[in-house]
Amino acid sequence: MAEELEQDLAAENVGGEADQTIQADGALAETPAAAPVNENFKWYIIHAYSGFERKVKESLMSRVAAYHLEDRVGRIEIPTEPTTEMRNGKKYTIDRVFLPGYVFVEMALDNDLWHVVKNTPRVTGFLQTGDQPNALSEAEVNAMLNRSDVTKEKPKMKMKFSKGEQVRITEGPFSNFNGAVDDVNEDKQTLKVMVSIFGRPTPTEVSFSNVEKFEEE
C-alpha cells in the first residue's frame, strides 16, 4: 500500500488547483473543504533534522494534500517562542524553535500513514517505545506548546549583561542616557542602571528591550 501511494504521488501534480464550482452566473468559485474532526486523532512526536523543522512541516502538509489524507491528519505544530535579538544596534523578534528536532503531529495513525510520514524528507522517525510510536494526550501536548503562548506576551531578550557594563537607554524618560549596570534581574528581564543626573549617580530600572550595549568611541 505504501509503495502504491509513493507511485501515485510521483504521478500526480502535488501543487494542483483548489476545488472549484460553477456559480449561477457562470463564474468559477473556490469551495473550501471543511476538515472533519476525527475522534481517533492522537498526538505523535516526529523526529526531524535539527534546523529543518519548518521544512518538515511544509513537506508533511504537501504529502497530506497529495494523498488526500486531510481526514486522517489534523494539526502539525512546531514548539517555538518569540526571542528578541540585537543585530547592528537594532531589535528583531523572531520565533525560535525551543525543542530542536521535534514536530508534533495530530493524526489517526495506521501502518499506511506511518509509511507516508516516515518517508517524508528530513524525517528520521517517531518518538516511540519499542515498535510502537508513543501517543500523547491533548493535555501533554498543550503543556509543551503553551510555553510559546505565554512568552508571546513578553519576548525574551537573547542578551547577557554584567554588573559594571556600560549601556545606553533607548526608550523611556531616560532615553539616550548612558550608565553602568548596577544589577541584573534575569527573571524579570530588567536592569538597574546608574545614570548621572545633574552630576549625581541615580539608579533607574529598565527592561532588557530598552537598552543597548554601549562602547565608547
C-alpha atoms as a PDB file:
ATOM      1  CA  MET A   1       0.000   0.000   0.000  1.00  0.00           C
ATOM      2  CA  ALA A   2       2.759   2.399   0.924  1.00  0.00           C
ATOM      3  CA  GLU A   3       4.568   1.703  -2.392  1.00  0.00           C
ATOM      4  CA  GLU A   4       1.343   2.372  -4.333  1.00  0.00           C
ATOM      5  CA  LEU A   5       0.938   5.687  -2.528  1.00  0.00           C
ATOM      6  CA  GLU A   6       4.514   6.695  -3.395  1.00  0.00           C
ATOM      7  CA  GLN A   7       3.831   5.879  -7.080  1.00  0.00           C
ATOM      8  CA  ASP A   8       0.603   7.875  -7.020  1.00  0.00           C
ATOM      9  CA  LEU A   9       2.458  10.868  -5.575  1.00  0.00           C
ATOM     10  CA  ALA A  10       5.053  10.800  -8.341  1.00  0.00           C
ATOM     11  CA  ALA A  11       2.314  10.633 -10.988  1.00  0.00           C
ATOM     12  CA  GLU A  12       0.039  13.424  -9.764  1.00  0.00           C
ATOM     13  CA  ASN A  13       0.594  17.137  -9.603  1.00  0.00           C
ATOM     14  CA  VAL A  14       1.167  17.937  -5.915  1.00  0.00           C
ATOM     15  CA  GLY A  15       0.534  21.629  -6.412  1.00  0.00           C
ATOM     16  CA  GLY A  16      -2.865  21.002  -8.007  1.00  0.00           C
ATOM     17  CA  GLU A  17      -5.512  23.690  -8.227  1.00  0.00           C
ATOM     18  CA  ALA A  18      -8.104  24.113  -5.498  1.00  0.00           C
ATOM     19  CA  ASP A  19     -11.548  22.541  -5.983  1.00  0.00           C
ATOM     20  CA  GLN A  20     -13.878  24.860  -7.876  1.00  0.00           C
ATOM     21  CA  THR A  21     -17.627  25.043  -8.592  1.00  0.00           C
ATOM     22  CA  ILE A  22     -19.610  26.939 -11.223  1.00  0.00           C
ATOM     23  CA  GLN A  23     -21.760  29.726  -9.808  1.00  0.00           C
ATOM     24  CA  ALA A  24     -25.158  30.608 -11.261  1.00  0.00           C
ATOM     25  CA  ASP A  25     -23.611  33.388 -13.341  1.00  0.00           C
ATOM     26  CA  GLY A  26     -21.024  31.004 -14.796  1.00  0.00           C
ATOM     27  CA  ALA A  27     -18.101  32.305 -12.736  1.00  0.00           C
ATOM     28  CA  LEU A  28     -15.705  29.954 -11.056  1.00  0.00           C
ATOM     29  CA  ALA A  29     -15.628  29.984  -7.264  1.00  0.00           C
ATOM     30  CA  GLU A  30     -13.412  28.100  -4.855  1.00  0.00           C
ATOM     31  CA  THR A  31     -15.149  25.751  -2.444  1.00  0.00           C
ATOM     32  CA  PRO A  32     -13.050  25.270   0.688  1.00  0.00           C
ATOM     33  CA  ALA A  33     -13.373  21.775   2.110  1.00  0.00           C
ATOM     34  CA  ALA A  34     -14.243  21.592   5.779  1.00  0.00           C
ATOM     35  CA  ALA A  35     -11.791  19.371   7.631  1.00  0.00           C
ATOM     36  CA  PRO A  36     -13.788  16.789   9.604  1.00  0.00           C
ATOM     37  CA  VAL A  37     -12.859  16.117  13.197  1.00  0.00           C
ATOM     38  CA  ASN A  38     -11.608  12.562  13.627  1.00  0.00           C
ATOM     39  CA  GLU A  39     -12.362  11.039  17.020  1.00  0.00           C
ATOM     40  CA  ASN A  40      -9.353   8.743  16.548  1.00  0.00           C
ATOM     41  CA  PHE A  41      -6.893  11.629  16.425  1.00  0.00           C
ATOM     42  CA  LYS A  42      -3.936  11.359  18.781  1.00  0.00           C
ATOM     43  CA  TRP A  43      -0.748  13.367  19.031  1.00  0.00           C
ATOM     44  CA  TYR A  44       2.620  11.929  17.995  1.00  0.00           C
ATOM     45  CA  ILE A  45       6.114  13.376  18.029  1.00  0.00           C
ATOM     46  CA  ILE A  46       8.178  13.160  14.851  1.00  0.00           C
ATOM     47  CA  HIS A  47      11.976  13.303  14.885  1.00  0.00           C
ATOM     48  CA  ALA A  48      13.352  15.680  12.237  1.00  0.00           C
ATOM     49  CA  TYR A  49      16.752  17.018  11.281  1.00  0.00           C
ATOM     50  CA  SER A  50      17.557  19.877  13.637  1.00  0.00           C
ATOM     51  CA  GLY A  51      17.049  23.197  11.857  1.00  0.00           C
ATOM     52  CA  PHE A  52      14.632  21.713   9.312  1.00  0.00           C
ATOM     53  CA  GLU A  53      11.503  21.583  11.474  1.00  0.00           C
ATOM     54  CA  ARG A  54       9.605  24.099   9.322  1.00  0.00           C
ATOM     55  CA  LYS A  55      10.622  22.309   6.114  1.00  0.00           C
ATOM     56  CA  VAL A  56       9.339  19.053   7.560  1.00  0.00           C
ATOM     57  CA  LYS A  57       6.025  20.705   8.460  1.00  0.00           C
ATOM     58  CA  GLU A  58       5.669  22.053   4.911  1.00  0.00           C
ATOM     59  CA  SER A  59       6.533  18.668   3.401  1.00  0.00           C
ATOM     60  CA  LEU A  60       4.054  16.868   5.645  1.00  0.00           C
ATOM     61  CA  MET A  61       1.290  19.297   4.690  1.00  0.00           C
ATOM     62  CA  SER A  62       2.056  18.778   0.990  1.00  0.00           C
ATOM     63  CA  ARG A  63       2.019  14.999   1.315  1.00  0.00           C
ATOM     64  CA  VAL A  64      -1.236  15.065   3.294  1.00  0.00           C
ATOM     65  CA  ALA A  65      -2.843  17.058   0.471  1.00  0.00           C
ATOM     66  CA  ALA A  66      -1.309  14.857  -2.236  1.00  0.00           C
ATOM     67  CA  TYR A  67      -2.554  11.636  -0.639  1.00  0.00           C
ATOM     68  CA  HIS A  68      -5.934  13.194   0.280  1.00  0.00           C
ATOM     69  CA  LEU A  69      -5.368  12.429   3.953  1.00  0.00           C
ATOM     70  CA  GLU A  70      -6.979  15.567   5.357  1.00  0.00           C
ATOM     71  CA  ASP A  71      -9.418  13.403   7.325  1.00  0.00           C
ATOM     72  CA  ARG A  72      -6.548  11.394   8.835  1.00  0.00           C
ATOM     73  CA  VAL A  73      -4.128  14.196   9.774  1.00  0.00           C
ATOM     74  CA  GLY A  74      -5.013  17.228  11.879  1.00  0.00           C
ATOM     75  CA  ARG A  75      -2.757  19.896  13.322  1.00  0.00           C
ATOM     76  CA  ILE A  76       1.004  19.997  12.768  1.00  0.00           C
ATOM     77  CA  GLU A  77       2.848  22.103  15.335  1.00  0.00           C
ATOM     78  CA  ILE A  78       6.427  23.225  15.963  1.00  0.00           C
ATOM     79  CA  PRO A  79       7.186  24.385  19.538  1.00  0.00           C
ATOM     80  CA  THR A  80       8.503  27.952  19.235  1.00  0.00           C
ATOM     81  CA  GLU A  81       8.901  31.002  21.434  1.00  0.00           C
ATOM     82  CA  PRO A  82       9.491  34.652  20.471  1.00  0.00           C
ATOM     83  CA  THR A  83      13.034  35.815  21.147  1.00  0.00           C
ATOM     84  CA  THR A  84      14.322  39.356  20.703  1.00  0.00           C
ATOM     85  CA  GLU A  85      17.850  39.696  19.351  1.00  0.00           C
ATOM     86  CA  MET A  86      20.077  42.707  18.809  1.00  0.00           C
ATOM     87  CA  ARG A  87      21.674  42.993  15.375  1.00  0.00           C
ATOM     88  CA  ASN A  88      23.730  46.024  14.458  1.00  0.00           C
ATOM     89  CA  GLY A  89      22.057  48.043  17.189  1.00  0.00           C
ATOM     90  CA  LYS A  90      18.505  47.126  16.095  1.00  0.00           C
ATOM     91  CA  LYS A  91      15.997  44.841  17.826  1.00  0.00           C
ATOM     92  CA  TYR A  92      14.486  41.922  15.948  1.00  0.00           C
ATOM     93  CA  THR A  93      11.894  39.500  17.324  1.00  0.00           C
ATOM     94  CA  ILE A  94      11.997  36.008  15.851  1.00  0.00           C
ATOM     95  CA  ASP A  95      10.186  32.751  16.600  1.00  0.00           C
ATOM     96  CA  ARG A  96      12.887  30.434  17.917  1.00  0.00           C
ATOM     97  CA  VAL A  97      12.382  26.679  17.966  1.00  0.00           C
ATOM     98  CA  PHE A  98      12.919  25.696  21.596  1.00  0.00           C
ATOM     99  CA  LEU A  99      12.704  21.922  21.014  1.00  0.00           C
ATOM    100  CA  PRO A 100      15.006  21.410  18.013  1.00  0.00           C
ATOM    101  CA  GLY A 101      14.389  18.249  16.038  1.00  0.00           C
ATOM    102  CA  TYR A 102      10.772  17.700  17.105  1.00  0.00           C
ATOM    103  CA  VAL A 103       7.498  18.151  15.201  1.00  0.00           C
ATOM    104  CA  PHE A 104       4.105  17.422  16.784  1.00  0.00           C
ATOM    105  CA  VAL A 105       1.521  15.800  14.502  1.00  0.00           C
ATOM    106  CA  GLU A 106      -2.125  15.072  15.306  1.00  0.00           C
ATOM    107  CA  MET A 107      -3.376  12.066  13.346  1.00  0.00           C
ATOM    108  CA  ALA A 108      -5.273   8.776  13.233  1.00  0.00           C
ATOM    109  CA  LEU A 109      -2.180   6.659  12.761  1.00  0.00           C
ATOM    110  CA  ASP A 110      -2.151   3.311  10.976  1.00  0.00           C
ATOM    111  CA  ASN A 111       0.514   1.374   9.077  1.00  0.00           C
ATOM    112  CA  ASP A 112      -0.022   3.160   5.749  1.00  0.00           C
ATOM    113  CA  LEU A 113       0.016   6.633   7.314  1.00  0.00           C
ATOM    114  CA  TRP A 114       3.105   5.628   9.291  1.00  0.00           C
ATOM    115  CA  HIS A 115       4.923   4.991   5.991  1.00  0.00           C
ATOM    116  CA  VAL A 116       3.743   8.299   4.499  1.00  0.00           C
ATOM    117  CA  VAL A 117       5.062  10.250   7.483  1.00  0.00           C
ATOM    118  CA  LYS A 118       8.226   8.189   7.927  1.00  0.00           C
ATOM    119  CA  ASN A 119       9.203   8.672   4.260  1.00  0.00           C
ATOM    120  CA  THR A 120       8.820  12.447   4.404  1.00  0.00           C
ATOM    121  CA  PRO A 121      12.129  14.171   3.572  1.00  0.00           C
ATOM    122  CA  ARG A 122      14.234  15.049   6.658  1.00  0.00           C
ATOM    123  CA  VAL A 123      12.107  12.886   8.963  1.00  0.00           C
ATOM    124  CA  THR A 124      14.145  10.306  10.857  1.00  0.00           C
ATOM    125  CA  GLY A 125      11.338   8.538  12.702  1.00  0.00           C
ATOM    126  CA  PHE A 126       8.817   8.666  15.517  1.00  0.00           C
ATOM    127  CA  LEU A 127       9.289   9.106  19.232  1.00  0.00           C
ATOM    128  CA  GLN A 128       8.418   5.583  20.296  1.00  0.00           C
ATOM    129  CA  THR A 129       8.842   2.834  22.844  1.00  0.00           C
ATOM    130  CA  GLY A 130       9.741  -0.481  21.265  1.00  0.00           C
ATOM    131  CA  ASP A 131       7.959  -0.877  17.938  1.00  0.00           C
ATOM    132  CA  GLN A 132       5.046   1.432  18.711  1.00  0.00           C
ATOM    133  CA  PRO A 133       5.050   5.250  18.366  1.00  0.00           C
ATOM    134  CA  ASN A 134       4.124   6.961  21.621  1.00  0.00           C
ATOM    135  CA  ALA A 135       0.711   8.637  21.572  1.00  0.00           C
ATOM    136  CA  LEU A 136       0.374  11.826  23.645  1.00  0.00           C
ATOM    137  CA  SER A 137      -2.739  13.340  25.138  1.00  0.00           C
ATOM    138  CA  GLU A 138      -4.011  16.820  24.319  1.00  0.00           C
ATOM    139  CA  ALA A 139      -3.030  17.937  27.825  1.00  0.00           C
ATOM    140  CA  GLU A 140       0.534  16.662  27.458  1.00  0.00           C
ATOM    141  CA  VAL A 141       0.999  18.449  24.145  1.00  0.00           C
ATOM    142  CA  ASN A 142      -0.572  21.666  25.437  1.00  0.00           C
ATOM    143  CA  ALA A 143       1.819  21.645  28.379  1.00  0.00           C
ATOM    144  CA  MET A 144       4.696  21.886  25.887  1.00  0.00           C
ATOM    145  CA  LEU A 145       3.109  24.126  23.266  1.00  0.00           C
ATOM    146  CA  ASN A 146       1.635  26.605  25.765  1.00  0.00           C
ATOM    147  CA  ARG A 147       5.142  27.795  26.564  1.00  0.00           C
ATOM    148  CA  SER A 148       5.102  29.686  23.260  1.00  0.00           C
ATOM    149  CA  ASP A 149       1.656  31.183  24.051  1.00  0.00           C
ATOM    150  CA  VAL A 150       2.934  32.603  27.341  1.00  0.00           C
ATOM    151  CA  THR A 151       6.168  34.015  26.028  1.00  0.00           C
ATOM    152  CA  LYS A 152       4.484  35.753  23.079  1.00  0.00           C
ATOM    153  CA  GLU A 153       3.235  38.363  25.535  1.00  0.00           C
ATOM    154  CA  LYS A 154       6.771  39.204  26.622  1.00  0.00           C
ATOM    155  CA  PRO A 155       9.572  38.169  24.262  1.00  0.00           C
ATOM    156  CA  LYS A 156      12.821  37.285  25.979  1.00  0.00           C
ATOM    157  CA  MET A 157      15.973  39.151  25.104  1.00  0.00           C
ATOM    158  CA  LYS A 158      18.760  36.954  23.874  1.00  0.00           C
ATOM    159  CA  MET A 159      21.385  39.135  25.550  1.00  0.00           C
ATOM    160  CA  LYS A 160      23.664  38.890  28.551  1.00  0.00           C
ATOM    161  CA  PHE A 161      24.529  41.810  30.815  1.00  0.00           C
ATOM    162  CA  SER A 162      27.036  42.018  33.643  1.00  0.00           C
ATOM    163  CA  LYS A 163      27.454  44.395  36.569  1.00  0.00           C
ATOM    164  CA  GLY A 164      29.558  47.436  35.684  1.00  0.00           C
ATOM    165  CA  GLU A 165      28.911  47.128  31.960  1.00  0.00           C
ATOM    166  CA  GLN A 166      28.189  50.368  30.100  1.00  0.00           C
ATOM    167  CA  VAL A 167      24.804  50.629  28.365  1.00  0.00           C
ATOM    168  CA  ARG A 168      22.698  53.275  26.643  1.00  0.00           C
ATOM    169  CA  ILE A 169      18.993  53.602  27.442  1.00  0.00           C
ATOM    170  CA  THR A 170      16.983  53.707  24.204  1.00  0.00           C
ATOM    171  CA  GLU A 171      13.409  54.288  25.423  1.00  0.00           C
ATOM    172  CA  GLY A 172      11.568  55.925  28.322  1.00  0.00           C
ATOM    173  CA  PRO A 173      12.203  59.107  30.316  1.00  0.00           C
ATOM    174  CA  PHE A 174      15.975  58.481  30.371  1.00  0.00           C
ATOM    175  CA  SER A 175      16.256  57.795  26.637  1.00  0.00           C
ATOM    176  CA  ASN A 176      19.787  58.413  25.284  1.00  0.00           C
ATOM    177  CA  PHE A 177      21.302  58.408  28.795  1.00  0.00           C
ATOM    178  CA  ASN A 178      24.397  56.289  29.278  1.00  0.00           C
ATOM    179  CA  GLY A 179      25.074  54.443  32.510  1.00  0.00           C
ATOM    180  CA  ALA A 180      26.646  51.463  34.228  1.00  0.00           C
ATOM    181  CA  VAL A 181      24.721  48.295  35.051  1.00  0.00           C
ATOM    182  CA  ASP A 182      24.366  48.011  38.833  1.00  0.00           C
ATOM    183  CA  ASP A 183      22.136  44.917  38.994  1.00  0.00           C
ATOM    184  CA  VAL A 184      20.748  42.291  36.593  1.00  0.00           C
ATOM    185  CA  ASN A 185      17.394  40.529  37.090  1.00  0.00           C
ATOM    186  CA  GLU A 186      17.226  37.657  34.586  1.00  0.00           C
ATOM    187  CA  ASP A 187      13.748  36.539  35.689  1.00  0.00           C
ATOM    188  CA  LYS A 188      12.145  39.948  35.216  1.00  0.00           C
ATOM    189  CA  GLN A 189      14.393  40.769  32.242  1.00  0.00           C
ATOM    190  CA  THR A 190      15.322  44.120  33.839  1.00  0.00           C
ATOM    191  CA  LEU A 191      18.459  46.057  34.730  1.00  0.00           C
ATOM    192  CA  LYS A 192      19.212  48.623  37.412  1.00  0.00           C
ATOM    193  CA  VAL A 193      21.293  51.252  35.637  1.00  0.00           C
ATOM    194  CA  MET A 194      23.146  54.092  37.358  1.00  0.00           C
ATOM    195  CA  VAL A 195      22.746  57.249  35.272  1.00  0.00           C
ATOM    196  CA  SER A 196      24.209  60.665  36.002  1.00  0.00           C
ATOM    197  CA  ILE A 197      21.571  63.339  36.610  1.00  0.00           C
ATOM    198  CA  PHE A 198      22.879  66.825  37.442  1.00  0.00           C
ATOM    199  CA  GLY A 199      26.186  65.215  38.250  1.00  0.00           C
ATOM    200  CA  ARG A 200      24.767  62.728  40.727  1.00  0.00           C
ATOM    201  CA  PRO A 201      24.509  58.945  40.094  1.00  0.00           C
ATOM    202  CA  THR A 202      20.831  57.931  40.116  1.00  0.00           C
ATOM    203  CA  PRO A 203      19.519  54.347  39.841  1.00  0.00           C
ATOM    204  CA  THR A 204      16.780  53.590  37.325  1.00  0.00           C
ATOM    205  CA  GLU A 205      15.184  50.290  36.357  1.00  0.00           C
ATOM    206  CA  VAL A 206      14.844  49.497  32.660  1.00  0.00           C
ATOM    207  CA  SER A 207      13.921  46.369  30.700  1.00  0.00           C
ATOM    208  CA  PHE A 208      16.417  44.482  28.550  1.00  0.00           C
ATOM    209  CA  SER A 209      14.500  45.613  25.456  1.00  0.00           C
ATOM    210  CA  ASN A 210      15.020  49.306  26.315  1.00  0.00           C
ATOM    211  CA  VAL A 211      18.820  49.324  26.437  1.00  0.00           C
ATOM    212  CA  GLU A 212      21.728  48.607  24.143  1.00  0.00           C
ATOM    213  CA  LYS A 213      25.307  47.829  24.880  1.00  0.00           C
ATOM    214  CA  PHE A 214      27.477  50.949  24.719  1.00  0.00           C
ATOM    215  CA  GLU A 215      31.105  51.226  23.777  1.00  0.00           C
ATOM    216  CA  GLU A 216      32.960  54.500  23.970  1.00  0.00           C
ATOM    217  CA  GLU A 217      34.472  55.561  20.667  1.00  0.00           C
END
